[in-house]
N, C-alpha and C. Protein backbone atom coordinates (compact mmCIF):
# COMPACT_ATOMS: atom_id res chain seq x y z
N MET A 1 21.95 22.13 -82.93
CA MET A 1 20.71 22.64 -82.84
C MET A 1 19.90 21.75 -82.20
N VAL A 2 19.24 22.31 -81.34
CA VAL A 2 18.16 20.96 -80.80
C VAL A 2 16.76 21.41 -80.76
N THR A 3 16.71 22.76 -80.57
CA THR A 3 15.34 22.88 -81.38
C THR A 3 15.74 24.02 -82.71
N ASP A 4 15.02 24.24 -83.49
CA ASP A 4 14.52 25.65 -84.81
C ASP A 4 13.69 26.60 -84.50
N THR A 5 14.05 26.50 -82.17
CA THR A 5 12.87 28.03 -81.91
C THR A 5 13.34 28.99 -81.40
N SER A 6 14.85 29.07 -81.70
CA SER A 6 15.82 30.36 -80.91
C SER A 6 15.39 31.54 -81.27
N PHE A 7 14.89 31.95 -82.40
CA PHE A 7 14.34 33.02 -82.91
C PHE A 7 12.98 33.04 -81.97
N LEU A 8 11.99 32.13 -81.72
CA LEU A 8 11.16 32.96 -80.49
C LEU A 8 11.79 32.97 -79.49
N ARG A 9 12.82 32.95 -79.05
CA ARG A 9 13.19 32.84 -77.43
C ARG A 9 14.19 34.35 -77.36
N ASN A 10 14.51 34.60 -78.75
CA ASN A 10 15.62 35.44 -78.46
C ASN A 10 15.46 35.95 -79.73
N PRO A 11 15.05 37.07 -79.56
CA PRO A 11 15.28 38.06 -81.31
C PRO A 11 16.39 38.53 -81.67
N ASN A 12 17.59 38.10 -80.68
CA ASN A 12 19.02 38.15 -81.02
C ASN A 12 19.43 37.76 -82.03
N VAL A 13 19.65 36.60 -81.87
CA VAL A 13 19.84 35.96 -82.83
C VAL A 13 19.81 35.65 -84.52
N HIS A 14 21.30 36.04 -84.83
CA HIS A 14 22.29 36.21 -86.40
C HIS A 14 21.78 37.76 -86.28
N GLN A 15 22.01 38.14 -84.83
CA GLN A 15 22.05 39.70 -85.39
C GLN A 15 22.89 40.24 -84.74
N MET A 16 23.25 42.17 -85.15
CA MET A 16 24.19 42.57 -84.39
C MET A 16 24.11 42.48 -82.92
N SER A 17 23.04 42.49 -82.71
CA SER A 17 22.27 42.63 -81.21
C SER A 17 22.63 40.97 -80.59
N ASP A 18 23.40 40.06 -81.15
CA ASP A 18 23.40 38.58 -80.88
C ASP A 18 24.85 39.22 -79.88
N THR A 19 24.88 39.01 -78.86
CA THR A 19 25.95 38.65 -78.21
C THR A 19 25.75 38.27 -76.99
N ILE A 20 26.80 37.87 -75.73
CA ILE A 20 26.23 36.61 -75.01
C ILE A 20 25.95 37.81 -73.84
N GLU A 21 25.63 38.64 -73.47
CA GLU A 21 24.49 39.44 -73.01
C GLU A 21 23.52 39.40 -72.78
N THR A 22 22.73 38.62 -73.62
CA THR A 22 21.35 38.87 -74.47
C THR A 22 21.29 37.12 -73.79
N LEU A 23 22.11 36.74 -73.70
CA LEU A 23 21.70 34.40 -73.57
C LEU A 23 20.85 35.03 -72.29
N ASP A 24 19.58 33.74 -72.86
CA ASP A 24 19.72 33.32 -71.41
C ASP A 24 20.56 31.97 -70.25
N LEU A 25 21.10 32.15 -69.76
CA LEU A 25 22.76 31.16 -69.45
C LEU A 25 22.09 30.47 -68.70
N PRO A 26 21.39 30.61 -68.09
CA PRO A 26 20.81 29.95 -67.02
C PRO A 26 19.67 28.69 -67.78
N PHE A 27 19.15 29.08 -68.63
CA PHE A 27 18.51 28.45 -69.62
C PHE A 27 18.84 27.12 -70.35
N PHE A 28 20.64 28.05 -70.90
CA PHE A 28 21.54 27.16 -72.35
C PHE A 28 21.71 26.42 -71.42
N CYS A 29 21.99 26.37 -70.27
CA CYS A 29 22.80 25.70 -69.08
C CYS A 29 21.68 24.84 -68.35
N ALA A 30 20.55 24.93 -68.10
CA ALA A 30 19.52 23.86 -68.38
C ALA A 30 19.54 23.02 -69.16
N VAL A 31 19.54 23.55 -70.51
CA VAL A 31 19.39 22.90 -71.86
C VAL A 31 20.91 21.68 -71.65
N VAL A 32 21.72 22.24 -71.87
CA VAL A 32 23.14 21.22 -71.72
C VAL A 32 22.91 20.22 -71.01
N GLU A 33 23.44 20.89 -69.25
CA GLU A 33 22.70 19.16 -68.60
C GLU A 33 21.67 18.53 -69.11
N GLY A 34 20.26 19.05 -69.63
CA GLY A 34 19.75 17.89 -69.51
C GLY A 34 19.50 17.05 -70.70
N LEU A 35 20.40 17.54 -71.49
CA LEU A 35 21.15 16.75 -73.38
C LEU A 35 21.68 15.95 -72.54
N ALA A 36 22.57 16.46 -72.05
CA ALA A 36 24.04 15.09 -71.10
C ALA A 36 23.31 14.21 -70.36
N ASP A 37 22.11 14.73 -70.34
CA ASP A 37 21.65 13.03 -68.99
C ASP A 37 20.48 12.58 -69.74
N ALA A 38 20.51 12.60 -71.16
CA ALA A 38 19.82 12.51 -71.73
C ALA A 38 20.77 11.38 -72.84
N LEU A 39 21.47 11.77 -72.86
CA LEU A 39 22.41 11.01 -73.73
C LEU A 39 23.56 10.30 -72.90
N GLY A 40 23.50 10.13 -71.43
CA GLY A 40 23.86 9.57 -70.34
C GLY A 40 25.40 9.74 -70.51
N ALA A 41 26.12 10.94 -70.84
CA ALA A 41 27.18 11.61 -70.33
C ALA A 41 26.88 11.84 -68.97
N VAL A 42 25.81 12.17 -68.37
CA VAL A 42 26.32 12.48 -67.32
C VAL A 42 26.26 10.87 -65.95
């Protein structure tokens, strides 16, 4: 995990309602792209 604040962003984390539909995919992609840039993978 990059941060430990997922519970603040998504109240569905580790609940039965934790499904793909409850994720903020554009935000997720931005985080992954930022990590890739920071780690020099891109």
